[in-house]
């Protein structure tokens, strides 16, 4: 039988490592989308926090901004920064103001398609932004995964707007929505099953 040694002695001689008490990280509540019917279908009742949400579009201008404006308005009114990375069109400031956004909190970054992914990742990871919107033109699974990890690291809301043809490809985004003909379909939602039926998207602005 081996010698019996006092635990204190083992700790003093660093022969045993003392573990630290496990600290539970506080759970971050989802951000309401501002669309009650959609919130009712999403796990937790809104956009997944600290995560990338992917919005797939049949064509630009089908309501994607109306989908995110309520959340962006609330964040900007709380003096939190919203960043747009290489938007396909220059944002129309009066429309964004009518949607309730504090324009002083909205930043636009112009970048080439290649640099846009890098800029989006840096902004997501920085912990200085509440929400980052990007329109990646050439993003594979690896690039999207980097955005997802960056959103988790920076505890930021990430929104990626892409063509609907990418719906058939897997994505690491925590949430995937598809917009078409005034409806929003949940393709994937972390923490729950995607509802089978699409929902009408009420465009208030």
C-alpha atoms as a PDB file:
ATOM      1  CA  UNK A   1       0.000   0.000   0.000  1.00  0.00           C
ATOM      2  CA  UNK A   2       1.352   3.401  -0.865  1.00  0.00           C
ATOM      3  CA  UNK A   3       2.180   5.966   1.777  1.00  0.00           C
ATOM      4  CA  UNK A   4      -0.675   8.183   2.957  1.00  0.00           C
ATOM      5  CA  UNK A   5       0.107  11.846   2.339  1.00  0.00           C
ATOM      6  CA  UNK A   6      -1.773  14.843   3.688  1.00  0.00           C
ATOM      7  CA  UNK A   7      -3.676  16.734   1.014  1.00  0.00           C
ATOM      8  CA  UNK A   8      -2.337  20.074   2.239  1.00  0.00           C
ATOM      9  CA  UNK A   9       1.217  18.810   1.781  1.00  0.00           C
ATOM     10  CA  UNK A  10       0.468  17.711  -1.792  1.00  0.00           C
ATOM     11  CA  UNK A  11      -0.978  21.120  -2.567  1.00  0.00           C
ATOM     12  CA  UNK A  12       2.037  22.913  -1.092  1.00  0.00           C
ATOM     13  CA  UNK A  13       4.440  20.874  -3.199  1.00  0.00           C
ATOM     14  CA  UNK A  14       2.242  21.442  -6.300  1.00  0.00           C
ATOM     15  CA  UNK A  15       1.872  17.691  -6.815  1.00  0.00           C
ATOM     16  CA  UNK A  16      -1.913  18.103  -6.947  1.00  0.00           C
ATOM     17  CA  UNK A  17      -3.696  20.812  -8.891  1.00  0.00           C
ATOM     18  CA  UNK A  18      -6.511  22.596  -7.080  1.00  0.00           C
ATOM     19  CA  UNK A  19      -9.448  23.177  -9.379  1.00  0.00           C
ATOM     20  CA  UNK A  20     -11.381  26.402  -9.341  1.00  0.00           C
ATOM     21  CA  UNK A  21     -15.084  26.518  -8.538  1.00  0.00           C
ATOM     22  CA  UNK A  22     -17.155  26.346 -11.676  1.00  0.00           C
ATOM     23  CA  UNK A  23     -18.717  29.693 -12.406  1.00  0.00           C
ATOM     24  CA  UNK A  24     -21.836  29.676 -14.485  1.00  0.00           C
ATOM     25  CA  UNK A  25     -21.825  32.285 -17.228  1.00  0.00           C
ATOM     26  CA  UNK A  26     -24.929  34.447 -17.118  1.00  0.00           C
ATOM     27  CA  UNK A  27     -27.383  33.565 -19.816  1.00  0.00           C
ATOM     28  CA  UNK A  28     -27.984  36.323 -22.323  1.00  0.00           C
ATOM     29  CA  UNK A  29     -31.591  36.737 -23.344  1.00  0.00           C
ATOM     30  CA  UNK A  30     -32.462  36.689 -27.042  1.00  0.00           C
ATOM     31  CA  UNK A  31     -33.162  40.018 -28.696  1.00  0.00           C
ATOM     32  CA  UNK A  32     -36.815  40.390 -29.757  1.00  0.00           C
ATOM     33  CA  UNK A  33     -37.099  40.833 -33.510  1.00  0.00           C
ATOM     34  CA  UNK A  34     -39.947  43.304 -33.198  1.00  0.00           C
ATOM     35  CA  UNK A  35     -42.189  40.915 -35.136  1.00  0.00           C
ATOM     36  CA  UNK A  36     -44.377  39.107 -32.565  1.00  0.00           C
ATOM     37  CA  UNK A  37     -45.377  36.240 -34.865  1.00  0.00           C
ATOM     38  CA  UNK A  38     -41.733  35.512 -35.650  1.00  0.00           C
ATOM     39  CA  UNK A  39     -40.642  35.811 -32.019  1.00  0.00           C
ATOM     40  CA  UNK A  40     -43.298  33.260 -31.087  1.00  0.00           C
ATOM     41  CA  UNK A  41     -41.701  30.733 -33.451  1.00  0.00           C
ATOM     42  CA  UNK A  42     -38.087  31.271 -32.430  1.00  0.00           C
ATOM     43  CA  UNK A  43     -36.471  29.537 -29.426  1.00  0.00           C
ATOM     44  CA  UNK A  44     -36.246  32.076 -26.631  1.00  0.00           C
ATOM     45  CA  UNK A  45     -38.391  34.562 -28.493  1.00  0.00           C
ATOM     46  CA  UNK A  46     -35.979  36.469 -30.713  1.00  0.00           C
ATOM     47  CA  UNK A  47     -32.615  36.739 -32.427  1.00  0.00           C
ATOM     48  CA  UNK A  48     -30.083  34.368 -30.856  1.00  0.00           C
ATOM     49  CA  UNK A  49     -27.649  36.460 -28.779  1.00  0.00           C
ATOM     50  CA  UNK A  50     -23.935  36.497 -29.517  1.00  0.00           C
ATOM     51  CA  UNK A  51     -24.508  34.652 -32.767  1.00  0.00           C
ATOM     52  CA  UNK A  52     -24.720  34.951 -36.524  1.00  0.00           C
ATOM     53  CA  UNK A  53     -28.173  35.049 -38.114  1.00  0.00           C
ATOM     54  CA  UNK A  54     -28.318  34.431 -41.839  1.00  0.00           C
ATOM     55  CA  UNK A  55     -31.056  35.994 -43.965  1.00  0.00           C
ATOM     56  CA  UNK A  56     -31.443  34.498 -47.442  1.00  0.00           C
ATOM     57  CA  UNK A  57     -33.064  36.652 -50.118  1.00  0.00           C
ATOM     58  CA  UNK A  58     -34.823  35.788 -53.351  1.00  0.00           C
ATOM     59  CA  UNK A  59     -33.781  39.264 -54.493  1.00  0.00           C
ATOM     60  CA  UNK A  60     -32.542  42.432 -52.774  1.00  0.00           C
ATOM     61  CA  UNK A  61     -35.184  44.697 -51.293  1.00  0.00           C
ATOM     62  CA  UNK A  62     -37.726  42.032 -50.293  1.00  0.00           C
ATOM     63  CA  UNK A  63     -38.050  43.348 -46.744  1.00  0.00           C
ATOM     64  CA  UNK A  64     -34.720  42.430 -45.211  1.00  0.00           C
ATOM     65  CA  UNK A  65     -34.238  45.860 -43.674  1.00  0.00           C
ATOM     66  CA  UNK A  66     -37.770  45.929 -42.259  1.00  0.00           C
ATOM     67  CA  UNK A  67     -36.951  42.570 -40.692  1.00  0.00           C
ATOM     68  CA  UNK A  68     -34.025  43.917 -38.662  1.00  0.00           C
ATOM     69  CA  UNK A  69     -34.944  47.585 -38.211  1.00  0.00           C
ATOM     70  CA  UNK A  70     -36.914  47.160 -34.942  1.00  0.00           C
ATOM     71  CA  UNK A  71     -33.950  45.503 -33.236  1.00  0.00           C
ATOM     72  CA  UNK A  72     -31.427  47.953 -34.659  1.00  0.00           C
ATOM     73  CA  UNK A  73     -33.615  50.891 -33.627  1.00  0.00           C
ATOM     74  CA  UNK A  74     -33.778  49.668 -30.041  1.00  0.00           C
ATOM     75  CA  UNK A  75     -30.036  49.090 -29.849  1.00  0.00           C
ATOM     76  CA  UNK A  76     -29.126  52.440 -31.395  1.00  0.00           C
ATOM     77  CA  UNK A  77     -31.532  54.282 -29.105  1.00  0.00           C
ATOM     78  CA  UNK A  78     -29.639  52.686 -26.212  1.00  0.00           C
ATOM     79  CA  UNK A  79     -26.476  54.359 -27.562  1.00  0.00           C
ATOM     80  CA  UNK A  80     -25.103  51.086 -28.887  1.00  0.00           C
ATOM     81  CA  UNK A  81     -23.218  50.939 -32.162  1.00  0.00           C
ATOM     82  CA  UNK A  82     -24.626  49.345 -35.309  1.00  0.00           C
ATOM     83  CA  UNK A  83     -22.187  48.726 -38.171  1.00  0.00           C
ATOM     84  CA  UNK A  84     -22.972  48.023 -41.833  1.00  0.00           C
ATOM     85  CA  UNK A  85     -20.146  46.354 -43.733  1.00  0.00           C
ATOM     86  CA  UNK A  86     -20.120  47.057 -47.489  1.00  0.00           C
ATOM     87  CA  UNK A  87     -23.891  47.355 -48.013  1.00  0.00           C
ATOM     88  CA  UNK A  88     -24.953  46.875 -51.666  1.00  0.00           C
ATOM     89  CA  UNK A  89     -26.617  50.300 -51.646  1.00  0.00           C
ATOM     90  CA  UNK A  90     -25.873  53.398 -49.633  1.00  0.00           C
ATOM     91  CA  UNK A  91     -28.409  53.472 -46.770  1.00  0.00           C
ATOM     92  CA  UNK A  92     -31.161  56.058 -47.239  1.00  0.00           C
ATOM     93  CA  UNK A  93     -30.791  58.030 -44.018  1.00  0.00           C
ATOM     94  CA  UNK A  94     -34.376  59.411 -43.872  1.00  0.00           C
ATOM     95  CA  UNK A  95     -35.802  55.873 -44.139  1.00  0.00           C
ATOM     96  CA  UNK A  96     -33.553  54.617 -41.376  1.00  0.00           C
ATOM     97  CA  UNK A  97     -34.518  57.589 -39.204  1.00  0.00           C
ATOM     98  CA  UNK A  98     -38.226  56.953 -39.829  1.00  0.00           C
ATOM     99  CA  UNK A  99     -37.615  53.364 -38.710  1.00  0.00           C
ATOM    100  CA  UNK A 100     -36.526  54.761 -35.361  1.00  0.00           C
ATOM    101  CA  UNK A 101     -32.763  54.438 -35.595  1.00  0.00           C
ATOM    102  CA  UNK A 102     -30.448  56.921 -33.932  1.00  0.00           C
ATOM    103  CA  UNK A 103     -28.310  57.682 -36.978  1.00  0.00           C
ATOM    104  CA  UNK A 104     -25.387  58.863 -34.849  1.00  0.00           C
ATOM    105  CA  UNK A 105     -24.964  55.237 -33.743  1.00  0.00           C
ATOM    106  CA  UNK A 106     -24.951  53.794 -37.282  1.00  0.00           C
ATOM    107  CA  UNK A 107     -21.576  53.358 -38.964  1.00  0.00           C
ATOM    108  CA  UNK A 108     -21.022  52.332 -42.601  1.00  0.00           C
ATOM    109  CA  UNK A 109     -17.788  50.625 -43.679  1.00  0.00           C
ATOM    110  CA  UNK A 110     -17.019  50.504 -47.402  1.00  0.00           C
ATOM    111  CA  UNK A 111     -14.780  47.612 -48.404  1.00  0.00           C
ATOM    112  CA  UNK A 112     -13.997  45.284 -51.285  1.00  0.00           C
ATOM    113  CA  UNK A 113     -15.687  41.846 -51.194  1.00  0.00           C
ATOM    114  CA  UNK A 114     -12.511  40.236 -49.872  1.00  0.00           C
ATOM    115  CA  UNK A 115     -11.869  42.898 -47.240  1.00  0.00           C
ATOM    116  CA  UNK A 116     -15.535  42.995 -46.226  1.00  0.00           C
ATOM    117  CA  UNK A 117     -15.370  39.547 -44.608  1.00  0.00           C
ATOM    118  CA  UNK A 118     -12.272  40.573 -42.660  1.00  0.00           C
ATOM    119  CA  UNK A 119     -13.894  43.833 -41.571  1.00  0.00           C
ATOM    120  CA  UNK A 120     -17.075  42.049 -40.481  1.00  0.00           C
ATOM    121  CA  UNK A 121     -15.085  39.551 -38.434  1.00  0.00           C
ATOM    122  CA  UNK A 122     -13.087  42.288 -36.725  1.00  0.00           C
ATOM    123  CA  UNK A 123     -16.184  44.311 -35.857  1.00  0.00           C
ATOM    124  CA  UNK A 124     -18.021  41.260 -34.534  1.00  0.00           C
ATOM    125  CA  UNK A 125     -15.052  40.261 -32.402  1.00  0.00           C
ATOM    126  CA  UNK A 126     -14.285  43.751 -31.092  1.00  0.00           C
ATOM    127  CA  UNK A 127     -16.978  43.840 -28.368  1.00  0.00           C
ATOM    128  CA  UNK A 128     -17.470  47.485 -29.391  1.00  0.00           C
ATOM    129  CA  UNK A 129     -20.544  46.827 -31.568  1.00  0.00           C
ATOM    130  CA  UNK A 130     -24.039  45.738 -30.665  1.00  0.00           C
ATOM    131  CA  UNK A 131     -24.896  44.553 -34.172  1.00  0.00           C
ATOM    132  CA  UNK A 132     -22.966  44.037 -37.394  1.00  0.00           C
ATOM    133  CA  UNK A 133     -24.640  43.637 -40.796  1.00  0.00           C
ATOM    134  CA  UNK A 134     -22.789  42.231 -43.785  1.00  0.00           C
ATOM    135  CA  UNK A 135     -23.558  41.152 -47.341  1.00  0.00           C
ATOM    136  CA  UNK A 136     -20.856  38.581 -48.170  1.00  0.00           C
ATOM    137  CA  UNK A 137     -20.656  37.833 -51.872  1.00  0.00           C
ATOM    138  CA  UNK A 138     -18.209  34.956 -51.674  1.00  0.00           C
ATOM    139  CA  UNK A 139     -18.341  33.233 -48.299  1.00  0.00           C
ATOM    140  CA  UNK A 140     -17.805  29.530 -47.823  1.00  0.00           C
ATOM    141  CA  UNK A 141     -18.574  27.478 -44.737  1.00  0.00           C
ATOM    142  CA  UNK A 142     -15.207  28.323 -43.215  1.00  0.00           C
ATOM    143  CA  UNK A 143     -15.714  32.070 -43.622  1.00  0.00           C
ATOM    144  CA  UNK A 144     -19.187  31.934 -42.109  1.00  0.00           C
ATOM    145  CA  UNK A 145     -17.890  29.861 -39.213  1.00  0.00           C
ATOM    146  CA  UNK A 146     -15.311  32.556 -38.498  1.00  0.00           C
ATOM    147  CA  UNK A 147     -18.110  35.122 -38.390  1.00  0.00           C
ATOM    148  CA  UNK A 148     -20.121  32.911 -36.047  1.00  0.00           C
ATOM    149  CA  UNK A 149     -17.146  32.470 -33.694  1.00  0.00           C
ATOM    150  CA  UNK A 150     -16.401  36.203 -33.844  1.00  0.00           C
ATOM    151  CA  UNK A 151     -20.001  37.011 -32.871  1.00  0.00           C
ATOM    152  CA  UNK A 152     -19.730  34.668 -29.897  1.00  0.00           C
ATOM    153  CA  UNK A 153     -16.398  36.184 -28.854  1.00  0.00           C
ATOM    154  CA  UNK A 154     -17.578  39.773 -29.117  1.00  0.00           C
ATOM    155  CA  UNK A 155     -21.075  39.014 -27.764  1.00  0.00           C
ATOM    156  CA  UNK A 156     -22.503  40.737 -30.798  1.00  0.00           C
ATOM    157  CA  UNK A 157     -25.521  40.270 -33.036  1.00  0.00           C
ATOM    158  CA  UNK A 158     -24.355  39.322 -36.516  1.00  0.00           C
ATOM    159  CA  UNK A 159     -26.561  39.496 -39.609  1.00  0.00           C
ATOM    160  CA  UNK A 160     -25.459  38.026 -42.921  1.00  0.00           C
ATOM    161  CA  UNK A 161     -27.599  38.730 -46.001  1.00  0.00           C
ATOM    162  CA  UNK A 162     -27.050  36.274 -48.856  1.00  0.00           C
ATOM    163  CA  UNK A 163     -28.720  35.017 -52.016  1.00  0.00           C
ATOM    164  CA  UNK A 164     -31.425  32.388 -51.569  1.00  0.00           C
ATOM    165  CA  UNK A 165     -29.499  29.913 -53.713  1.00  0.00           C
ATOM    166  CA  UNK A 166     -27.304  29.258 -50.680  1.00  0.00           C
ATOM    167  CA  UNK A 167     -30.265  27.769 -48.808  1.00  0.00           C
ATOM    168  CA  UNK A 168     -29.359  24.283 -50.049  1.00  0.00           C
ATOM    169  CA  UNK A 169     -25.888  24.542 -48.528  1.00  0.00           C
ATOM    170  CA  UNK A 170     -25.231  23.942 -44.810  1.00  0.00           C
ATOM    171  CA  UNK A 171     -24.346  26.933 -42.682  1.00  0.00           C
ATOM    172  CA  UNK A 172     -22.871  27.370 -39.185  1.00  0.00           C
ATOM    173  CA  UNK A 173     -25.211  30.311 -38.512  1.00  0.00           C
ATOM    174  CA  UNK A 174     -27.316  29.872 -35.389  1.00  0.00           C
ATOM    175  CA  UNK A 175     -30.424  31.046 -37.254  1.00  0.00           C
ATOM    176  CA  UNK A 176     -31.301  30.922 -40.954  1.00  0.00           C
ATOM    177  CA  UNK A 177     -34.282  32.738 -42.405  1.00  0.00           C
ATOM    178  CA  UNK A 178     -35.461  33.003 -45.997  1.00  0.00           C
ATOM    179  CA  UNK A 179     -37.475  35.955 -47.278  1.00  0.00           C
ATOM    180  CA  UNK A 180     -39.665  35.702 -50.351  1.00  0.00           C
ATOM    181  CA  UNK A 181     -43.013  37.131 -51.492  1.00  0.00           C
ATOM    182  CA  UNK A 182     -43.643  38.969 -48.223  1.00  0.00           C
ATOM    183  CA  UNK A 183     -43.063  35.858 -46.144  1.00  0.00           C
ATOM    184  CA  UNK A 184     -40.297  34.692 -43.855  1.00  0.00           C
ATOM    185  CA  UNK A 185     -39.456  31.010 -43.511  1.00  0.00           C
ATOM    186  CA  UNK A 186     -37.326  29.658 -40.677  1.00  0.00           C
ATOM    187  CA  UNK A 187     -34.871  27.178 -42.184  1.00  0.00           C
ATOM    188  CA  UNK A 188     -32.787  26.555 -39.076  1.00  0.00           C
ATOM    189  CA  UNK A 189     -32.923  27.706 -35.468  1.00  0.00           C
ATOM    190  CA  UNK A 190     -30.492  26.668 -32.775  1.00  0.00           C
ATOM    191  CA  UNK A 191     -32.213  25.185 -29.756  1.00  0.00           C
ATOM    192  CA  UNK A 192     -35.449  24.176 -31.446  1.00  0.00           C
ATOM    193  CA  UNK A 193     -37.181  22.822 -34.516  1.00  0.00           C
ATOM    194  CA  UNK A 194     -37.802  25.119 -37.456  1.00  0.00           C
ATOM    195  CA  UNK A 195     -41.545  25.684 -37.978  1.00  0.00           C
ATOM    196  CA  UNK A 196     -42.857  24.075 -41.142  1.00  0.00           C
ATOM    197  CA  UNK A 197     -45.018  26.967 -42.327  1.00  0.00           C
ATOM    198  CA  UNK A 198     -43.741  30.394 -43.462  1.00  0.00           C
ATOM    199  CA  UNK A 199     -44.939  33.527 -41.715  1.00  0.00           C
ATOM    200  CA  UNK A 200     -46.153  36.762 -43.273  1.00  0.00           C
ATOM    201  CA  UNK A 201     -43.715  39.619 -42.732  1.00  0.00           C
ATOM    202  CA  UNK A 202     -45.483  42.831 -41.827  1.00  0.00           C
ATOM    203  CA  UNK A 203     -43.508  45.725 -43.305  1.00  0.00           C
ATOM    204  CA  UNK A 204     -44.229  48.673 -41.069  1.00  0.00           C
ATOM    205  CA  UNK A 205     -41.779  51.145 -42.587  1.00  0.00           C
END
